[in-house]
Amino acid sequence: MPPTPTERSSSHRSPWLLAGLMAAVASLVAACKSAPEPPAPAQDSTMPSPDTASVKGPVPAAAGSARASAASTARAYREDAATHLYGLNAQRVYKGKLPPMLYAIGVLEVDIDRAGKVTRLRWMRAPKHAPEVVAEIERTVRAAAPFPAPTRMGKVTYTDTWLWDKSGHFQLDTLTEGQL
């Protein structure tokens, strides 16, 4: 026996009703996934105050510091490494938003051993048109050793993107202030 008009319309609504219900549930789940705000870093009396610091971002470590990193992932360690590099190169960090056209952009992978020593540098994307920038970035990373010791991981390989202005100043993608 063929379905009645009421049965036919409810069977056609059922897939749409189910899809709508699934979309509503997905929206609710997505709305609940926002990450909590990270706690503000503790202020050490030996560190410059945020008002007098010349670098935006986390408070840099003391020059040459081999402080320990509590990071448990390479992504988390990247912020410790970037902060360390900014602390040692504050005068070379581009202040504010970068201009729309950068001189060079490079993606560098860095291996750090358990003591914070740089064991290997590998370019994922080198700015081949600017070999002087490649050499300067490599020199800067090697001179920054020892990096914070990755105590929870033993050793770490992290990747960061170097954003290089024609003035010779840089920002790291991890701590960038963005572009105009």
C-alpha atoms as a PDB file:
ATOM      1  CA  MET A   1       0.000   0.000   0.000  1.00  0.00           C
ATOM      2  CA  PRO A   2       1.441   3.447  -0.909  1.00  0.00           C
ATOM      3  CA  PRO A   3       2.287   5.884   1.931  1.00  0.00           C
ATOM      4  CA  THR A   4      -0.327   8.439   2.898  1.00  0.00           C
ATOM      5  CA  PRO A   5       0.438  12.153   2.267  1.00  0.00           C
ATOM      6  CA  THR A   6       1.150  12.643   5.995  1.00  0.00           C
ATOM      7  CA  GLU A   7       3.583   9.734   6.071  1.00  0.00           C
ATOM      8  CA  ARG A   8       5.257  10.955   2.869  1.00  0.00           C
ATOM      9  CA  SER A   9       5.827  14.535   4.172  1.00  0.00           C
ATOM     10  CA  SER A  10       7.204  13.357   7.533  1.00  0.00           C
ATOM     11  CA  SER A  11       9.653  10.986   5.839  1.00  0.00           C
ATOM     12  CA  HIS A  12      10.887  13.874   3.656  1.00  0.00           C
ATOM     13  CA  ARG A  13      11.305  16.141   6.686  1.00  0.00           C
ATOM     14  CA  SER A  14      13.206  13.577   8.713  1.00  0.00           C
ATOM     15  CA  PRO A  15      16.602  13.981   6.916  1.00  0.00           C
ATOM     16  CA  TRP A  16      16.284  17.781   7.023  1.00  0.00           C
ATOM     17  CA  LEU A  17      15.293  17.746  10.659  1.00  0.00           C
ATOM     18  CA  LEU A  18      18.236  15.482  11.483  1.00  0.00           C
ATOM     19  CA  ALA A  19      20.658  17.680   9.505  1.00  0.00           C
ATOM     20  CA  GLY A  20      19.373  20.804  11.253  1.00  0.00           C
ATOM     21  CA  LEU A  21      19.676  19.183  14.640  1.00  0.00           C
ATOM     22  CA  MET A  22      23.248  18.060  13.873  1.00  0.00           C
ATOM     23  CA  ALA A  23      24.160  21.589  12.715  1.00  0.00           C
ATOM     24  CA  ALA A  24      22.779  23.055  15.948  1.00  0.00           C
ATOM     25  CA  VAL A  25      24.765  20.580  18.060  1.00  0.00           C
ATOM     26  CA  ALA A  26      27.940  21.287  16.045  1.00  0.00           C
ATOM     27  CA  SER A  27      27.444  25.036  16.605  1.00  0.00           C
ATOM     28  CA  LEU A  28      27.079  24.530  20.341  1.00  0.00           C
ATOM     29  CA  VAL A  29      30.192  22.371  20.524  1.00  0.00           C
ATOM     30  CA  ALA A  30      32.208  24.870  18.480  1.00  0.00           C
ATOM     31  CA  ALA A  31      31.110  27.721  20.748  1.00  0.00           C
ATOM     32  CA  CYS A  32      32.334  25.831  23.809  1.00  0.00           C
ATOM     33  CA  LYS A  33      35.829  25.124  22.449  1.00  0.00           C
ATOM     34  CA  SER A  34      37.443  28.513  23.092  1.00  0.00           C
ATOM     35  CA  ALA A  35      40.718  28.184  24.982  1.00  0.00           C
ATOM     36  CA  PRO A  36      41.098  29.825  28.392  1.00  0.00           C
ATOM     37  CA  GLU A  37      43.215  32.948  28.674  1.00  0.00           C
ATOM     38  CA  PRO A  38      46.811  32.110  29.675  1.00  0.00           C
ATOM     39  CA  PRO A  39      47.865  33.471  33.066  1.00  0.00           C
ATOM     40  CA  ALA A  40      49.989  36.608  33.111  1.00  0.00           C
ATOM     41  CA  PRO A  41      53.704  35.848  33.589  1.00  0.00           C
ATOM     42  CA  ALA A  42      55.068  36.498  37.068  1.00  0.00           C
ATOM     43  CA  GLN A  43      57.185  39.625  37.310  1.00  0.00           C
ATOM     44  CA  ASP A  44      60.743  38.982  38.480  1.00  0.00           C
ATOM     45  CA  SER A  45      62.418  41.942  40.199  1.00  0.00           C
ATOM     46  CA  THR A  46      65.553  41.380  38.072  1.00  0.00           C
ATOM     47  CA  MET A  47      63.573  41.641  34.832  1.00  0.00           C
ATOM     48  CA  PRO A  48      62.597  44.949  33.223  1.00  0.00           C
ATOM     49  CA  SER A  49      59.032  45.992  33.930  1.00  0.00           C
ATOM     50  CA  PRO A  50      56.584  45.679  31.018  1.00  0.00           C
ATOM     51  CA  ASP A  51      56.344  49.485  30.928  1.00  0.00           C
ATOM     52  CA  THR A  52      60.065  49.889  30.309  1.00  0.00           C
ATOM     53  CA  ALA A  53      60.618  46.793  28.184  1.00  0.00           C
ATOM     54  CA  SER A  54      61.521  47.602  24.589  1.00  0.00           C
ATOM     55  CA  VAL A  55      60.094  44.367  23.241  1.00  0.00           C
ATOM     56  CA  LYS A  56      56.450  43.401  23.010  1.00  0.00           C
ATOM     57  CA  GLY A  57      55.710  39.865  24.109  1.00  0.00           C
ATOM     58  CA  PRO A  58      56.682  37.788  27.120  1.00  0.00           C
ATOM     59  CA  VAL A  59      59.357  39.143  29.428  1.00  0.00           C
ATOM     60  CA  PRO A  60      62.704  38.076  27.932  1.00  0.00           C
ATOM     61  CA  ALA A  61      65.172  35.958  29.834  1.00  0.00           C
ATOM     62  CA  ALA A  62      68.445  37.449  31.025  1.00  0.00           C
ATOM     63  CA  ALA A  63      71.150  37.582  28.364  1.00  0.00           C
ATOM     64  CA  GLY A  64      72.757  34.191  27.840  1.00  0.00           C
ATOM     65  CA  SER A  65      70.248  32.537  30.118  1.00  0.00           C
ATOM     66  CA  ALA A  66      69.925  28.796  29.905  1.00  0.00           C
ATOM     67  CA  ARG A  67      66.754  28.772  32.011  1.00  0.00           C
ATOM     68  CA  ALA A  68      64.623  25.674  31.796  1.00  0.00           C
ATOM     69  CA  SER A  69      61.549  25.419  29.605  1.00  0.00           C
ATOM     70  CA  ALA A  70      58.479  23.697  31.006  1.00  0.00           C
ATOM     71  CA  ALA A  71      57.051  23.222  27.498  1.00  0.00           C
ATOM     72  CA  SER A  72      55.714  19.758  26.741  1.00  0.00           C
ATOM     73  CA  THR A  73      55.351  20.227  22.962  1.00  0.00           C
ATOM     74  CA  ALA A  74      57.516  21.705  20.216  1.00  0.00           C
ATOM     75  CA  ARG A  75      54.830  24.316  19.574  1.00  0.00           C
ATOM     76  CA  ALA A  76      54.915  25.442  23.215  1.00  0.00           C
ATOM     77  CA  TYR A  77      58.728  25.444  23.210  1.00  0.00           C
ATOM     78  CA  ARG A  78      58.715  27.716  20.157  1.00  0.00           C
ATOM     79  CA  GLU A  79      57.389  30.574  22.315  1.00  0.00           C
ATOM     80  CA  ASP A  80      60.188  30.061  24.877  1.00  0.00           C
ATOM     81  CA  ALA A  81      62.774  30.062  22.080  1.00  0.00           C
ATOM     82  CA  ALA A  82      61.298  33.168  20.441  1.00  0.00           C
ATOM     83  CA  THR A  83      61.241  34.992  23.788  1.00  0.00           C
ATOM     84  CA  HIS A  84      64.871  33.992  24.349  1.00  0.00           C
ATOM     85  CA  LEU A  85      65.875  35.304  20.901  1.00  0.00           C
ATOM     86  CA  TYR A  86      63.974  38.570  21.453  1.00  0.00           C
ATOM     87  CA  GLY A  87      65.642  39.034  24.835  1.00  0.00           C
ATOM     88  CA  LEU A  88      69.111  38.712  23.320  1.00  0.00           C
ATOM     89  CA  ASN A  89      68.331  40.800  20.229  1.00  0.00           C
ATOM     90  CA  ALA A  90      65.945  43.467  21.536  1.00  0.00           C
ATOM     91  CA  GLN A  91      67.680  46.233  19.576  1.00  0.00           C
ATOM     92  CA  ARG A  92      67.191  44.277  16.328  1.00  0.00           C
ATOM     93  CA  VAL A  93      63.514  43.418  16.802  1.00  0.00           C
ATOM     94  CA  TYR A  94      61.197  45.458  14.558  1.00  0.00           C
ATOM     95  CA  LYS A  95      58.919  47.515  16.820  1.00  0.00           C
ATOM     96  CA  GLY A  96      55.244  47.703  15.872  1.00  0.00           C
ATOM     97  CA  LYS A  97      53.451  46.343  12.839  1.00  0.00           C
ATOM     98  CA  LEU A  98      55.659  45.263   9.957  1.00  0.00           C
ATOM     99  CA  PRO A  99      55.266  46.982   6.571  1.00  0.00           C
ATOM    100  CA  PRO A 100      53.157  45.186   3.933  1.00  0.00           C
ATOM    101  CA  MET A 101      56.192  44.241   1.831  1.00  0.00           C
ATOM    102  CA  LEU A 102      58.975  42.437   3.678  1.00  0.00           C
ATOM    103  CA  TYR A 103      62.495  42.032   2.362  1.00  0.00           C
ATOM    104  CA  ALA A 104      62.715  38.348   3.299  1.00  0.00           C
ATOM    105  CA  ILE A 105      60.689  35.586   4.916  1.00  0.00           C
ATOM    106  CA  GLY A 106      62.335  32.364   6.008  1.00  0.00           C
ATOM    107  CA  VAL A 107      61.134  29.254   7.804  1.00  0.00           C
ATOM    108  CA  LEU A 108      63.843  27.648   9.931  1.00  0.00           C
ATOM    109  CA  GLU A 109      63.760  24.377  11.838  1.00  0.00           C
ATOM    110  CA  VAL A 110      66.074  24.261  14.867  1.00  0.00           C
ATOM    111  CA  ASP A 111      67.164  21.211  16.872  1.00  0.00           C
ATOM    112  CA  ILE A 112      67.924  21.877  20.544  1.00  0.00           C
ATOM    113  CA  ASP A 113      69.513  19.262  22.810  1.00  0.00           C
ATOM    114  CA  ARG A 114      68.723  18.688  26.483  1.00  0.00           C
ATOM    115  CA  ALA A 115      71.259  21.338  27.566  1.00  0.00           C
ATOM    116  CA  GLY A 116      69.869  24.029  25.234  1.00  0.00           C
ATOM    117  CA  LYS A 117      72.615  23.739  22.604  1.00  0.00           C
ATOM    118  CA  VAL A 118      71.757  24.150  18.922  1.00  0.00           C
ATOM    119  CA  THR A 119      72.579  20.840  17.243  1.00  0.00           C
ATOM    120  CA  ARG A 120      71.184  21.471  13.774  1.00  0.00           C
ATOM    121  CA  LEU A 121      69.581  24.156  11.605  1.00  0.00           C
ATOM    122  CA  ARG A 122      67.494  23.200   8.596  1.00  0.00           C
ATOM    123  CA  TRP A 123      65.784  25.634   6.236  1.00  0.00           C
ATOM    124  CA  MET A 124      62.221  24.669   5.367  1.00  0.00           C
ATOM    125  CA  ARG A 125      61.939  27.806   3.214  1.00  0.00           C
ATOM    126  CA  ALA A 126      65.067  29.885   2.787  1.00  0.00           C
ATOM    127  CA  PRO A 127      64.933  33.418   1.357  1.00  0.00           C
ATOM    128  CA  LYS A 128      67.258  32.502  -1.526  1.00  0.00           C
ATOM    129  CA  HIS A 129      67.150  36.030  -2.967  1.00  0.00           C
ATOM    130  CA  ALA A 130      68.768  37.272   0.265  1.00  0.00           C
ATOM    131  CA  PRO A 131      71.697  34.988   1.198  1.00  0.00           C
ATOM    132  CA  GLU A 132      72.948  37.635   3.641  1.00  0.00           C
ATOM    133  CA  VAL A 133      69.701  37.253   5.608  1.00  0.00           C
ATOM    134  CA  VAL A 134      70.082  33.450   5.675  1.00  0.00           C
ATOM    135  CA  ALA A 135      73.614  33.819   7.057  1.00  0.00           C
ATOM    136  CA  GLU A 136      72.539  36.444   9.626  1.00  0.00           C
ATOM    137  CA  ILE A 137      69.617  34.379  10.904  1.00  0.00           C
ATOM    138  CA  GLU A 138      71.843  31.312  11.285  1.00  0.00           C
ATOM    139  CA  ARG A 139      74.480  33.387  13.095  1.00  0.00           C
ATOM    140  CA  THR A 140      71.814  34.908  15.376  1.00  0.00           C
ATOM    141  CA  VAL A 141      70.362  31.515  16.323  1.00  0.00           C
ATOM    142  CA  ARG A 142      73.771  29.941  17.002  1.00  0.00           C
ATOM    143  CA  ALA A 143      74.893  32.985  19.035  1.00  0.00           C
ATOM    144  CA  ALA A 144      71.754  32.738  21.179  1.00  0.00           C
ATOM    145  CA  ALA A 145      72.774  29.327  22.564  1.00  0.00           C
ATOM    146  CA  PRO A 146      72.260  28.045  25.130  1.00  0.00           C
ATOM    147  CA  PHE A 147      68.485  28.173  24.620  1.00  0.00           C
ATOM    148  CA  PRO A 148      66.078  27.320  27.434  1.00  0.00           C
ATOM    149  CA  ALA A 149      66.653  23.653  28.263  1.00  0.00           C
ATOM    150  CA  PRO A 150      63.652  21.521  27.177  1.00  0.00           C
ATOM    151  CA  THR A 151      63.479  19.664  30.491  1.00  0.00           C
ATOM    152  CA  ARG A 152      60.115  17.945  29.911  1.00  0.00           C
ATOM    153  CA  MET A 153      61.003  16.755  26.393  1.00  0.00           C
ATOM    154  CA  GLY A 154      64.716  16.054  26.712  1.00  0.00           C
ATOM    155  CA  LYS A 155      65.406  17.532  23.286  1.00  0.00           C
ATOM    156  CA  VAL A 156      63.218  19.411  20.836  1.00  0.00           C
ATOM    157  CA  THR A 157      62.936  20.380  17.187  1.00  0.00           C
ATOM    158  CA  TYR A 158      60.940  23.552  16.693  1.00  0.00           C
ATOM    159  CA  THR A 159      60.122  25.650  13.643  1.00  0.00           C
ATOM    160  CA  ASP A 160      59.629  29.402  13.412  1.00  0.00           C
ATOM    161  CA  THR A 161      59.160  31.900  10.608  1.00  0.00           C
ATOM    162  CA  TRP A 162      61.529  34.854  10.411  1.00  0.00           C
ATOM    163  CA  LEU A 163      59.985  38.065   9.076  1.00  0.00           C
ATOM    164  CA  TRP A 164      62.828  40.325   7.899  1.00  0.00           C
ATOM    165  CA  ASP A 165      62.479  44.023   7.100  1.00  0.00           C
ATOM    166  CA  LYS A 166      64.812  45.788   4.665  1.00  0.00           C
ATOM    167  CA  SER A 167      66.165  47.795   7.642  1.00  0.00           C
ATOM    168  CA  GLY A 168      67.712  44.588   8.998  1.00  0.00           C
ATOM    169  CA  HIS A 169      65.202  44.338  11.851  1.00  0.00           C
ATOM    170  CA  PHE A 170      63.066  41.236  12.287  1.00  0.00           C
ATOM    171  CA  GLN A 171      60.114  39.690  14.043  1.00  0.00           C
ATOM    172  CA  LEU A 172      59.412  36.032  14.620  1.00  0.00           C
ATOM    173  CA  ASP A 173      55.995  34.771  13.590  1.00  0.00           C
ATOM    174  CA  THR A 174      55.498  33.406  17.109  1.00  0.00           C
ATOM    175  CA  LEU A 175      55.648  36.903  18.651  1.00  0.00           C
ATOM    176  CA  THR A 176      54.830  39.095  15.649  1.00  0.00           C
ATOM    177  CA  GLU A 177      52.790  42.253  16.008  1.00  0.00           C
ATOM    178  CA  GLY A 178      51.373  41.679  12.515  1.00  0.00           C
ATOM    179  CA  GLN A 179      51.597  43.745   9.362  1.00  0.00           C
ATOM    180  CA  LEU A 180      50.089  47.027   8.257  1.00  0.00           C
END
